[in-house]
Amino acid sequence: MNLLNCKDCLKEISSYLDGEMEPDLKRHLEEHLSLCHHCQVVFDSARKTIELYCDGRLFPLPLEVRDRLHRALRRRWEEKAS
């Protein structure tokens, strides 16, 4: 597997934050984040939002909430990319 592109990276952020990611994919995501400032900002924002709302502890989000968050992040990313 090569480095992930931004679209693939955004699809996987929830899995990464939930700790539900294969080690190889995790390594590729971390490589992408180290090279892509835009994805790193999205990742940091998602993580900080979860931490703030969960008193500093990460908890799995319900599937519906995760889907809405992904759609909102994807829309925001596409707006910024254009």
PDB file of N, CA and C in Angstrom:
ATOM      1  N   MET A   1       0.842  -1.186   0.000  1.00  0.00           N
ATOM      2  CA  MET A   1       0.000   0.000   0.000  1.00  0.00           C
ATOM      3  C   MET A   1       0.883   1.243   0.000  1.00  0.00           C
ATOM      4  N   ASN A   2       0.569   2.152  -0.872  1.00  0.00           N
ATOM      5  CA  ASN A   2       1.290   3.420  -0.922  1.00  0.00           C
ATOM      6  C   ASN A   2       0.697   4.390   0.081  1.00  0.00           C
ATOM      7  N   LEU A   3       1.296   5.567   0.129  1.00  0.00           N
ATOM      8  CA  LEU A   3       0.749   6.601   1.000  1.00  0.00           C
ATOM      9  C   LEU A   3      -0.707   6.859   0.645  1.00  0.00           C
ATOM     10  N   LEU A   4      -1.487   7.158   1.649  1.00  0.00           N
ATOM     11  CA  LEU A   4      -2.892   7.480   1.431  1.00  0.00           C
ATOM     12  C   LEU A   4      -3.015   8.864   0.824  1.00  0.00           C
ATOM     13  N   ASN A   5      -4.065   9.082   0.036  1.00  0.00           N
ATOM     14  CA  ASN A   5      -4.349  10.442  -0.421  1.00  0.00           C
ATOM     15  C   ASN A   5      -5.260  11.097   0.621  1.00  0.00           C
ATOM     16  N   CYS A   6      -5.567  12.356   0.434  1.00  0.00           N
ATOM     17  CA  CYS A   6      -6.360  13.100   1.428  1.00  0.00           C
ATOM     18  C   CYS A   6      -7.737  12.475   1.624  1.00  0.00           C
ATOM     19  N   LYS A   7      -8.378  12.089   0.547  1.00  0.00           N
ATOM     20  CA  LYS A   7      -9.717  11.500   0.641  1.00  0.00           C
ATOM     21  C   LYS A   7      -9.679  10.221   1.472  1.00  0.00           C
ATOM     22  N   ASP A   8      -8.716   9.361   1.202  1.00  0.00           N
ATOM     23  CA  ASP A   8      -8.583   8.115   1.957  1.00  0.00           C
ATOM     24  C   ASP A   8      -8.265   8.392   3.421  1.00  0.00           C
ATOM     25  N   CYS A   9      -7.428   9.370   3.649  1.00  0.00           N
ATOM     26  CA  CYS A   9      -7.048   9.739   5.005  1.00  0.00           C
ATOM     27  C   CYS A   9      -8.270  10.179   5.804  1.00  0.00           C
ATOM     28  N   LEU A  10      -9.093  11.034   5.223  1.00  0.00           N
ATOM     29  CA  LEU A  10     -10.279  11.531   5.921  1.00  0.00           C
ATOM     30  C   LEU A  10     -11.266  10.408   6.225  1.00  0.00           C
ATOM     31  N   LYS A  11     -11.338   9.413   5.336  1.00  0.00           N
ATOM     32  CA  LYS A  11     -12.222   8.274   5.570  1.00  0.00           C
ATOM     33  C   LYS A  11     -11.780   7.456   6.781  1.00  0.00           C
ATOM     34  N   GLU A  12     -10.502   7.478   7.085  1.00  0.00           N
ATOM     35  CA  GLU A  12      -9.947   6.601   8.114  1.00  0.00           C
ATOM     36  C   GLU A  12      -9.719   7.274   9.468  1.00  0.00           C
ATOM     37  N   ILE A  13      -9.956   8.567   9.568  1.00  0.00           N
ATOM     38  CA  ILE A  13      -9.652   9.260  10.825  1.00  0.00           C
ATOM     39  C   ILE A  13     -10.430   8.666  11.995  1.00  0.00           C
ATOM     40  N   SER A  14     -11.705   8.364  11.812  1.00  0.00           N
ATOM     41  CA  SER A  14     -12.502   7.791  12.911  1.00  0.00           C
ATOM     42  C   SER A  14     -11.929   6.460  13.370  1.00  0.00           C
ATOM     43  N   SER A  15     -11.587   5.607  12.427  1.00  0.00           N
ATOM     44  CA  SER A  15     -11.019   4.310  12.794  1.00  0.00           C
ATOM     45  C   SER A  15      -9.726   4.490  13.581  1.00  0.00           C
ATOM     46  N   TYR A  16      -8.935   5.463  13.158  1.00  0.00           N
ATOM     47  CA  TYR A  16      -7.681   5.732  13.859  1.00  0.00           C
ATOM     48  C   TYR A  16      -7.959   6.204  15.287  1.00  0.00           C
ATOM     49  N   LEU A  17      -8.860   7.159  15.432  1.00  0.00           N
ATOM     50  CA  LEU A  17      -9.176   7.689  16.757  1.00  0.00           C
ATOM     51  C   LEU A  17      -9.816   6.636  17.654  1.00  0.00           C
ATOM     52  N   ASP A  18     -10.570   5.726  17.058  1.00  0.00           N
ATOM     53  CA  ASP A  18     -11.214   4.664  17.823  1.00  0.00           C
ATOM     54  C   ASP A  18     -10.255   3.517  18.145  1.00  0.00           C
ATOM     55  N   GLY A  19      -9.050   3.554  17.579  1.00  0.00           N
ATOM     56  CA  GLY A  19      -8.089   2.477  17.805  1.00  0.00           C
ATOM     57  C   GLY A  19      -8.456   1.198  17.079  1.00  0.00           C
ATOM     58  N   GLU A  20      -9.208   1.332  15.992  1.00  0.00           N
ATOM     59  CA  GLU A  20      -9.684   0.179  15.230  1.00  0.00           C
ATOM     60  C   GLU A  20      -9.033   0.145  13.847  1.00  0.00           C
ATOM     61  N   MET A  21      -7.725   0.156  13.815  1.00  0.00           N
ATOM     62  CA  MET A  21      -7.034   0.239  12.543  1.00  0.00           C
ATOM     63  C   MET A  21      -5.887  -0.769  12.517  1.00  0.00           C
ATOM     64  N   GLU A  22      -5.740  -1.415  11.379  1.00  0.00           N
ATOM     65  CA  GLU A  22      -4.635  -2.345  11.189  1.00  0.00           C
ATOM     66  C   GLU A  22      -3.314  -1.579  11.272  1.00  0.00           C
ATOM     67  N   PRO A  23      -2.279  -2.192  11.836  1.00  0.00           N
ATOM     68  CA  PRO A  23      -0.995  -1.494  12.008  1.00  0.00           C
ATOM     69  C   PRO A  23      -0.415  -0.919  10.718  1.00  0.00           C
ATOM     70  N   ASP A  24      -0.528  -1.649   9.613  1.00  0.00           N
ATOM     71  CA  ASP A  24       0.028  -1.168   8.344  1.00  0.00           C
ATOM     72  C   ASP A  24      -0.711   0.083   7.868  1.00  0.00           C
ATOM     73  N   LEU A  25      -2.044   0.049   7.932  1.00  0.00           N
ATOM     74  CA  LEU A  25      -2.839   1.208   7.532  1.00  0.00           C
ATOM     75  C   LEU A  25      -2.573   2.382   8.466  1.00  0.00           C
ATOM     76  N   LYS A  26      -2.424   2.101   9.755  1.00  0.00           N
ATOM     77  CA  LYS A  26      -2.122   3.150  10.736  1.00  0.00           C
ATOM     78  C   LYS A  26      -0.808   3.847  10.388  1.00  0.00           C
ATOM     79  N   ARG A  27       0.180   3.069  10.024  1.00  0.00           N
ATOM     80  CA  ARG A  27       1.483   3.637   9.656  1.00  0.00           C
ATOM     81  C   ARG A  27       1.355   4.535   8.433  1.00  0.00           C
ATOM     82  N   HIS A  28       0.590   4.095   7.437  1.00  0.00           N
ATOM     83  CA  HIS A  28       0.400   4.905   6.225  1.00  0.00           C
ATOM     84  C   HIS A  28      -0.378   6.193   6.532  1.00  0.00           C
ATOM     85  N   LEU A  29      -1.381   6.093   7.392  1.00  0.00           N
ATOM     86  CA  LEU A  29      -2.133   7.285   7.775  1.00  0.00           C
ATOM     87  C   LEU A  29      -1.220   8.268   8.495  1.00  0.00           C
ATOM     88  N   GLU A  30      -0.419   7.782   9.414  1.00  0.00           N
ATOM     89  CA  GLU A  30       0.496   8.661  10.146  1.00  0.00           C
ATOM     90  C   GLU A  30       1.523   9.296   9.220  1.00  0.00           C
ATOM     91  N   GLU A  31       1.976   8.552   8.222  1.00  0.00           N
ATOM     92  CA  GLU A  31       2.905   9.121   7.235  1.00  0.00           C
ATOM     93  C   GLU A  31       2.230  10.257   6.474  1.00  0.00           C
ATOM     94  N   HIS A  32       0.980  10.019   6.044  1.00  0.00           N
ATOM     95  CA  HIS A  32       0.255  11.064   5.312  1.00  0.00           C
ATOM     96  C   HIS A  32       0.081  12.292   6.190  1.00  0.00           C
ATOM     97  N   LEU A  33      -0.331  12.085   7.437  1.00  0.00           N
ATOM     98  CA  LEU A  33      -0.547  13.208   8.344  1.00  0.00           C
ATOM     99  C   LEU A  33       0.735  13.995   8.575  1.00  0.00           C
ATOM    100  N   SER A  34       1.867  13.319   8.574  1.00  0.00           N
ATOM    101  CA  SER A  34       3.131  14.018   8.793  1.00  0.00           C
ATOM    102  C   SER A  34       3.513  14.897   7.600  1.00  0.00           C
ATOM    103  N   LEU A  35       2.939  14.597   6.425  1.00  0.00           N
ATOM    104  CA  LEU A  35       3.274  15.340   5.210  1.00  0.00           C
ATOM    105  C   LEU A  35       2.187  16.328   4.776  1.00  0.00           C
ATOM    106  N   CYS A  36       0.970  16.161   5.277  1.00  0.00           N
ATOM    107  CA  CYS A  36      -0.164  16.958   4.793  1.00  0.00           C
ATOM    108  C   CYS A  36      -0.722  17.815   5.924  1.00  0.00           C
ATOM    109  N   HIS A  37      -0.442  19.090   5.857  1.00  0.00           N
ATOM    110  CA  HIS A  37      -0.893  20.015   6.888  1.00  0.00           C
ATOM    111  C   HIS A  37      -2.416  20.067   6.983  1.00  0.00           C
ATOM    112  N   HIS A  38      -3.103  20.060   5.851  1.00  0.00           N
ATOM    113  CA  HIS A  38      -4.565  20.156   5.853  1.00  0.00           C
ATOM    114  C   HIS A  38      -5.202  18.969   6.575  1.00  0.00           C
ATOM    115  N   CYS A  39      -4.758  17.766   6.280  1.00  0.00           N
ATOM    116  CA  CYS A  39      -5.315  16.586   6.944  1.00  0.00           C
ATOM    117  C   CYS A  39      -4.938  16.577   8.429  1.00  0.00           C
ATOM    118  N   GLN A  40      -3.749  17.032   8.742  1.00  0.00           N
ATOM    119  CA  GLN A  40      -3.330  17.097  10.143  1.00  0.00           C
ATOM    120  C   GLN A  40      -4.233  18.041  10.927  1.00  0.00           C
ATOM    121  N   VAL A  41      -4.624  19.161  10.326  1.00  0.00           N
ATOM    122  CA  VAL A  41      -5.520  20.108  10.990  1.00  0.00           C
ATOM    123  C   VAL A  41      -6.886  19.458  11.230  1.00  0.00           C
ATOM    124  N   VAL A  42      -7.413  18.767  10.224  1.00  0.00           N
ATOM    125  CA  VAL A  42      -8.706  18.092  10.369  1.00  0.00           C
ATOM    126  C   VAL A  42      -8.604  17.031  11.462  1.00  0.00           C
ATOM    127  N   PHE A  43      -7.541  16.249  11.430  1.00  0.00           N
ATOM    128  CA  PHE A  43      -7.336  15.203  12.423  1.00  0.00           C
ATOM    129  C   PHE A  43      -7.257  15.796  13.828  1.00  0.00           C
ATOM    130  N   ASP A  44      -6.442  16.818  13.995  1.00  0.00           N
ATOM    131  CA  ASP A  44      -6.292  17.445  15.316  1.00  0.00           C
ATOM    132  C   ASP A  44      -7.605  18.035  15.806  1.00  0.00           C
ATOM    133  N   SER A  45      -8.351  18.659  14.907  1.00  0.00           N
ATOM    134  CA  SER A  45      -9.639  19.242  15.278  1.00  0.00           C
ATOM    135  C   SER A  45     -10.618  18.171  15.736  1.00  0.00           C
ATOM    136  N   ALA A  46     -10.690  17.072  15.003  1.00  0.00           N
ATOM    137  CA  ALA A  46     -11.591  15.977  15.382  1.00  0.00           C
ATOM    138  C   ALA A  46     -11.192  15.397  16.734  1.00  0.00           C
ATOM    139  N   ARG A  47      -9.906  15.174  16.922  1.00  0.00           N
ATOM    140  CA  ARG A  47      -9.435  14.610  18.191  1.00  0.00           C
ATOM    141  C   ARG A  47      -9.712  15.560  19.348  1.00  0.00           C
ATOM    142  N   LYS A  48      -9.424  16.839  19.172  1.00  0.00           N
ATOM    143  CA  LYS A  48      -9.652  17.823  20.236  1.00  0.00           C
ATOM    144  C   LYS A  48     -11.140  17.946  20.549  1.00  0.00           C
ATOM    145  N   THR A  49     -11.979  17.924  19.533  1.00  0.00           N
ATOM    146  CA  THR A  49     -13.419  18.005  19.753  1.00  0.00           C
ATOM    147  C   THR A  49     -13.890  16.831  20.598  1.00  0.00           C
ATOM    148  N   ILE A  50     -13.446  15.653  20.261  1.00  0.00           N
ATOM    149  CA  ILE A  50     -13.819  14.463  21.030  1.00  0.00           C
ATOM    150  C   ILE A  50     -13.297  14.573  22.465  1.00  0.00           C
ATOM    151  N   GLU A  51     -12.065  14.995  22.623  1.00  0.00           N
ATOM    152  CA  GLU A  51     -11.492  15.127  23.958  1.00  0.00           C
ATOM    153  C   GLU A  51     -12.268  16.140  24.800  1.00  0.00           C
ATOM    154  N   LEU A  52     -12.619  17.268  24.202  1.00  0.00           N
ATOM    155  CA  LEU A  52     -13.355  18.296  24.938  1.00  0.00           C
ATOM    156  C   LEU A  52     -14.727  17.805  25.375  1.00  0.00           C
ATOM    157  N   TYR A  53     -15.414  17.131  24.494  1.00  0.00           N
ATOM    158  CA  TYR A  53     -16.757  16.669  24.814  1.00  0.00           C
ATOM    159  C   TYR A  53     -16.772  15.421  25.679  1.00  0.00           C
ATOM    160  N   CYS A  54     -15.649  14.769  25.812  1.00  0.00           N
ATOM    161  CA  CYS A  54     -15.593  13.541  26.602  1.00  0.00           C
ATOM    162  C   CYS A  54     -14.692  13.696  27.815  1.00  0.00           C
ATOM    163  N   ASP A  55     -14.494  14.918  28.265  1.00  0.00           N
ATOM    164  CA  ASP A  55     -13.691  15.167  29.459  1.00  0.00           C
ATOM    165  C   ASP A  55     -12.282  14.579  29.326  1.00  0.00           C
ATOM    166  N   GLY A  56     -11.728  14.703  28.138  1.00  0.00           N
ATOM    167  CA  GLY A  56     -10.358  14.248  27.924  1.00  0.00           C
ATOM    168  C   GLY A  56     -10.221  12.770  27.632  1.00  0.00           C
ATOM    169  N   ARG A  57     -11.321  12.027  27.661  1.00  0.00           N
ATOM    170  CA  ARG A  57     -11.254  10.589  27.362  1.00  0.00           C
ATOM    171  C   ARG A  57     -11.912  10.335  26.012  1.00  0.00           C
ATOM    172  N   LEU A  58     -11.295   9.489  25.234  1.00  0.00           N
ATOM    173  CA  LEU A  58     -11.864   9.143  23.932  1.00  0.00           C
ATOM    174  C   LEU A  58     -12.897   8.033  24.106  1.00  0.00           C
ATOM    175  N   PHE A  59     -14.071   8.231  23.521  1.00  0.00           N
ATOM    176  CA  PHE A  59     -15.132   7.238  23.533  1.00  0.00           C
ATOM    177  C   PHE A  59     -15.592   7.027  22.102  1.00  0.00           C
ATOM    178  N   PRO A  60     -15.991   5.804  21.775  1.00  0.00           N
ATOM    179  CA  PRO A  60     -16.513   5.575  20.421  1.00  0.00           C
ATOM    180  C   PRO A  60     -17.771   6.401  20.192  1.00  0.00           C
ATOM    181  N   LEU A  61     -17.863   6.991  19.023  1.00  0.00           N
ATOM    182  CA  LEU A  61     -19.056   7.746  18.653  1.00  0.00           C
ATOM    183  C   LEU A  61     -20.082   6.787  18.054  1.00  0.00           C
ATOM    184  N   PRO A  62     -21.361   7.040  18.294  1.00  0.00           N
ATOM    185  CA  PRO A  62     -22.376   6.240  17.607  1.00  0.00           C
ATOM    186  C   PRO A  62     -22.194   6.362  16.099  1.00  0.00           C
ATOM    187  N   LEU A  63     -22.538   5.303  15.387  1.00  0.00           N
ATOM    188  CA  LEU A  63     -22.330   5.249  13.936  1.00  0.00           C
ATOM    189  C   LEU A  63     -22.968   6.444  13.227  1.00  0.00           C
ATOM    190  N   GLU A  64     -24.177   6.817  13.612  1.00  0.00           N
ATOM    191  CA  GLU A  64     -24.855   7.951  12.972  1.00  0.00           C
ATOM    192  C   GLU A  64     -24.073   9.250  13.179  1.00  0.00           C
ATOM    193  N   VAL A  65     -23.555   9.450  14.366  1.00  0.00           N
ATOM    194  CA  VAL A  65     -22.774  10.660  14.663  1.00  0.00           C
ATOM    195  C   VAL A  65     -21.478  10.645  13.866  1.00  0.00           C
ATOM    196  N   ARG A  66     -20.818   9.499  13.803  1.00  0.00           N
ATOM    197  CA  ARG A  66     -19.585   9.394  13.015  1.00  0.00           C
ATOM    198  C   ARG A  66     -19.836   9.719  11.558  1.00  0.00           C
ATOM    199  N   ASP A  67     -20.956   9.192  11.019  1.00  0.00           N
ATOM    200  CA  ASP A  67     -21.284   9.455   9.614  1.00  0.00           C
ATOM    201  C   ASP A  67     -21.528  10.940   9.370  1.00  0.00           C
ATOM    202  N   ARG A  68     -22.271  11.586  10.266  1.00  0.00           N
ATOM    203  CA  ARG A  68     -22.525  13.023  10.118  1.00  0.00           C
ATOM    204  C   ARG A  68     -21.231  13.808  10.217  1.00  0.00           C
ATOM    205  N   LEU A  69     -20.372  13.433  11.147  1.00  0.00           N
ATOM    206  CA  LEU A  69     -19.089  14.111  11.296  1.00  0.00           C
ATOM    207  C   LEU A  69     -18.247  13.941  10.035  1.00  0.00           C
ATOM    208  N   HIS A  70     -18.203  12.741   9.494  1.00  0.00           N
ATOM    209  CA  HIS A  70     -17.448  12.495   8.251  1.00  0.00           C
ATOM    210  C   HIS A  70     -17.975  13.354   7.111  1.00  0.00           C
ATOM    211  N   ARG A  71     -19.312  13.401   6.959  1.00  0.00           N
ATOM    212  CA  ARG A  71     -19.888  14.209   5.876  1.00  0.00           C
ATOM    213  C   ARG A  71     -19.541  15.687   6.058  1.00  0.00           C
ATOM    214  N   ALA A  72     -19.651  16.169   7.282  1.00  0.00           N
ATOM    215  CA  ALA A  72     -19.342  17.584   7.537  1.00  0.00           C
ATOM    216  C   ALA A  72     -17.872  17.871   7.272  1.00  0.00           C
ATOM    217  N   LEU A  73     -16.993  16.989   7.718  1.00  0.00           N
ATOM    218  CA  LEU A  73     -15.560  17.191   7.487  1.00  0.00           C
ATOM    219  C   LEU A  73     -15.242  17.126   5.999  1.00  0.00           C
ATOM    220  N   ARG A  74     -15.870  16.184   5.305  1.00  0.00           N
ATOM    221  CA  ARG A  74     -15.638  16.050   3.868  1.00  0.00           C
ATOM    222  C   ARG A  74     -16.083  17.309   3.132  1.00  0.00           C
ATOM    223  N   ARG A  75     -17.288  17.832   3.473  1.00  0.00           N
ATOM    224  CA  ARG A  75     -17.774  19.075   2.851  1.00  0.00           C
ATOM    225  C   ARG A  75     -16.812  20.218   3.121  1.00  0.00           C
ATOM    226  N   ARG A  76     -16.406  20.328   4.348  1.00  0.00           N
ATOM    227  CA  ARG A  76     -15.488  21.430   4.729  1.00  0.00           C
ATOM    228  C   ARG A  76     -14.171  21.311   3.966  1.00  0.00           C
ATOM    229  N   TRP A  77     -13.650  20.101   3.884  1.00  0.00           N
ATOM    230  CA  TRP A  77     -12.393  19.859   3.182  1.00  0.00           C
ATOM    231  C   TRP A  77     -12.533  20.231   1.706  1.00  0.00           C
ATOM    232  N   GLU A  78     -13.640  19.828   1.082  1.00  0.00           N
ATOM    233  CA  GLU A  78     -13.849  20.122  -0.329  1.00  0.00           C
ATOM    234  C   GLU A  78     -14.005  21.619  -0.566  1.00  0.00           C
ATOM    235  N   GLU A  79     -14.662  22.312   0.345  1.00  0.00           N
ATOM    236  CA  GLU A  79     -14.790  23.765   0.233  1.00  0.00           C
ATOM    237  C   GLU A  79     -13.439  24.439   0.283  1.00  0.00           C
ATOM    238  N   LYS A  80     -12.590  23.988   1.179  1.00  0.00           N
ATOM    239  CA  LYS A  80     -11.257  24.588   1.338  1.00  0.00           C
ATOM    240  C   LYS A  80     -10.366  24.245   0.146  1.00  0.00           C
ATOM    241  N   ALA A  81     -10.550  23.049  -0.418  1.00  0.00           N
ATOM    242  CA  ALA A  81      -9.703  22.601  -1.522  1.00  0.00           C
ATOM    243  C   ALA A  81     -10.034  23.326  -2.825  1.00  0.00           C
ATOM    244  N   SER A  82     -11.263  23.851  -2.955  1.00  0.00           N
ATOM    245  CA  SER A  82     -11.628  24.512  -4.217  1.00  0.00           C
ATOM    246  C   SER A  82     -11.167  25.941  -4.262  1.00  0.00           C
TER     247      SER A  82
END
